[in-house]
Protein backbone atom coordinates (compact mmCIF):
# COMPACT_ATOMS: atom_id res chain seq x y z
CA UNK A 1 170.49 -21.83 -65.06
CA UNK A 2 169.58 -25.49 -65.50
CA UNK A 3 167.51 -27.74 -63.29
CA UNK A 4 167.49 -31.50 -63.01
CA UNK A 5 165.18 -33.75 -60.98
CA UNK A 6 166.75 -36.88 -59.56
CA UNK A 7 164.76 -39.72 -58.02
CA UNK A 8 167.50 -41.50 -56.05
CA UNK A 9 170.99 -41.13 -54.63
CA UNK A 10 172.30 -43.08 -57.62
CA UNK A 11 170.69 -40.61 -60.05
CA UNK A 12 172.14 -37.67 -58.09
CA UNK A 13 175.58 -39.27 -58.21
CA UNK A 14 175.26 -40.00 -61.94
CA UNK A 15 174.42 -36.35 -62.63
CA UNK A 16 177.56 -35.37 -60.71
CA UNK A 17 179.65 -37.93 -62.65
CA UNK A 18 178.50 -36.36 -65.92
CA UNK A 19 179.42 -32.87 -64.68
CA UNK A 20 182.82 -34.11 -63.43
CA UNK A 21 183.68 -35.39 -66.90
CA UNK A 22 183.52 -31.77 -68.14
CA UNK A 23 185.61 -30.23 -65.37
CA UNK A 24 189.04 -28.70 -65.84
CA UNK A 25 191.91 -27.60 -63.62
CA UNK A 26 191.05 -24.67 -61.32
CA UNK A 27 187.28 -25.12 -61.63
CA UNK A 28 185.36 -24.13 -58.50
CA UNK A 29 181.92 -25.51 -57.66
CA UNK A 30 179.82 -24.32 -54.77
CA UNK A 31 177.39 -26.81 -53.31
CA UNK A 32 174.53 -25.60 -51.17
CA UNK A 33 171.27 -26.94 -49.80
CA UNK A 34 169.70 -27.86 -46.49
CA UNK A 35 171.19 -30.41 -44.14
CA UNK A 36 170.57 -33.85 -45.63
CA UNK A 37 169.87 -32.54 -49.13
CA UNK A 38 172.64 -34.62 -50.68
CA UNK A 39 175.69 -32.36 -50.93
CA UNK A 40 178.14 -35.06 -49.90
CA UNK A 41 176.37 -37.61 -52.13
CA UNK A 42 176.80 -35.20 -55.04
CA UNK A 43 180.49 -34.76 -54.17
CA UNK A 44 180.92 -38.55 -54.17
CA UNK A 45 179.62 -38.54 -57.75
CA UNK A 46 182.04 -35.78 -58.71
CA UNK A 47 184.88 -37.78 -57.18
CA UNK A 48 183.83 -40.89 -59.09
CA UNK A 49 183.72 -38.88 -62.33
CA UNK A 50 187.21 -37.57 -61.61
CA UNK A 51 188.54 -41.08 -61.05
CA UNK A 52 189.02 -40.80 -57.29
CA UNK A 53 189.39 -44.26 -55.77
CA UNK A 54 189.25 -43.36 -52.04
CA UNK A 55 186.05 -43.18 -50.03
CA UNK A 56 184.72 -39.63 -49.95
CA UNK A 57 183.05 -38.29 -46.82
CA UNK A 58 182.24 -34.87 -45.43
CA UNK A 59 185.22 -32.83 -44.17
CA UNK A 60 183.06 -31.15 -41.51
CA UNK A 61 185.70 -31.25 -38.78
CA UNK A 62 188.78 -30.79 -40.96
CA UNK A 63 187.25 -28.14 -43.30
CA UNK A 64 189.08 -29.52 -46.36
CA UNK A 65 189.99 -32.97 -47.68
CA UNK A 66 192.07 -33.68 -50.75
CA UNK A 67 191.65 -36.63 -53.11
CA UNK A 68 193.68 -37.76 -56.13
CA UNK A 69 192.05 -38.50 -59.45
CA UNK A 70 192.25 -37.25 -63.05
CA UNK A 71 192.47 -33.87 -61.34
CA UNK A 72 193.01 -33.30 -57.62
CA UNK A 73 189.71 -32.81 -55.79
CA UNK A 74 189.64 -30.36 -52.89
CA UNK A 75 186.44 -30.96 -50.90
CA UNK A 76 185.63 -28.17 -48.43
CA UNK A 77 182.88 -27.99 -45.85
CA UNK A 78 182.92 -24.42 -44.55
CA UNK A 79 179.87 -24.72 -42.29
CA UNK A 80 182.05 -24.18 -39.23
CA UNK A 81 183.25 -20.86 -40.66
CA UNK A 82 179.82 -19.25 -40.28
CA UNK A 83 180.15 -15.79 -38.71
CA UNK A 84 183.89 -15.83 -39.41
CA UNK A 85 185.70 -13.57 -41.82
CA UNK A 86 188.86 -15.67 -41.67
CA UNK A 87 190.52 -16.48 -45.00
CA UNK A 88 192.16 -19.88 -44.58
CA UNK A 89 193.96 -19.56 -47.92
CA UNK A 90 191.07 -20.35 -50.24
CA UNK A 91 192.94 -19.00 -53.26
CA UNK A 92 195.67 -21.58 -52.68
CA UNK A 93 193.09 -24.27 -53.42
CA UNK A 94 191.30 -22.39 -56.20
CA UNK A 95 194.60 -22.04 -58.10
CA UNK A 96 196.08 -25.49 -57.36
CA UNK A 97 195.28 -27.10 -60.75
CA UNK A 98 192.47 -29.16 -59.28
CA UNK A 99 188.72 -28.99 -58.77
CA UNK A 100 187.45 -27.30 -55.61
CA UNK A 101 184.01 -28.18 -54.24
CA UNK A 102 182.71 -26.02 -51.40
CA UNK A 103 179.78 -27.11 -49.26
CA UNK A 104 177.90 -24.32 -47.43
CA UNK A 105 179.56 -21.70 -49.63
CA UNK A 106 177.27 -18.91 -48.44
CA UNK A 107 179.50 -18.67 -45.36
CA UNK A 108 182.53 -17.60 -47.42
CA UNK A 109 180.76 -15.61 -50.16
CA UNK A 110 183.35 -12.80 -50.03
CA UNK A 111 186.17 -15.22 -50.85
CA UNK A 112 184.56 -17.02 -53.81
CA UNK A 113 185.97 -16.52 -57.30
CA UNK A 114 183.82 -14.74 -59.89
CA UNK A 115 184.00 -17.76 -62.21
CA UNK A 116 182.29 -20.78 -60.65
CA UNK A 117 179.43 -23.20 -60.96
CA UNK A 118 176.89 -22.81 -58.16
CA UNK A 119 174.91 -25.97 -57.43
CA UNK A 120 171.88 -25.93 -55.18
CA UNK A 121 170.24 -29.17 -54.09
CA UNK A 122 166.67 -29.03 -52.84
CA UNK A 123 165.19 -32.00 -51.02
CA UNK A 124 161.69 -32.63 -52.36
CA UNK A 125 160.94 -35.98 -50.80
CA UNK A 126 162.62 -39.01 -49.31
CA UNK A 127 164.67 -39.59 -52.50
CA UNK A 128 163.67 -36.84 -54.95
CA UNK A 129 165.99 -33.87 -55.38
CA UNK A 130 165.94 -30.77 -57.56
CA UNK A 131 169.50 -29.91 -58.57
CA UNK A 132 169.93 -26.36 -59.89
CA UNK A 133 173.10 -25.35 -61.75
CA UNK A 134 173.81 -21.61 -61.89
CA UNK A 135 176.86 -20.63 -63.94
CA UNK A 136 179.03 -17.63 -63.13
CA UNK A 137 181.39 -16.70 -65.95
CA UNK A 138 181.72 -17.64 -69.60
CA UNK A 139 183.34 -21.05 -69.04
CA UNK A 140 180.47 -22.27 -66.87
CA UNK A 141 177.86 -20.68 -69.15
CA UNK A 142 179.25 -22.86 -71.95
CA UNK A 143 179.38 -25.94 -69.70
CA UNK A 144 175.71 -25.50 -68.76
CA UNK A 145 174.66 -24.87 -72.37
CA UNK A 146 176.34 -28.09 -73.51
CA UNK A 147 175.17 -30.16 -70.56
CA UNK A 148 172.00 -32.25 -70.90
């Protein structure tokens, strides 16, 4: 597990850009934290790091949005699936040679792959955030070890 303190949205996005540069096809990242913690801001940084040119915003009402970059980015917001055991074909995204980012992942815990990078963002003030990276699986253990 690694923790980073960011002091602004720009710093949070830059951290995400640096992580994105290390991502590979079929990587899955879960992104959790309270409402307003900066999950979508973090995803915007991931998109930037993957070379996505389109504006990224939360897919709250569509559940998933897809963006093109160095690797496809599948951005899911599964908040609306709370108390649902419906599988909307998550594996189709996880195995689609892109990067999948899942906001509010605790609501689909049973469907998550064993290998993933869990990211938790804690709001500590108006701008300050604590970003915790928890690796699951050897690939993400290595990524976290190499990441500074």
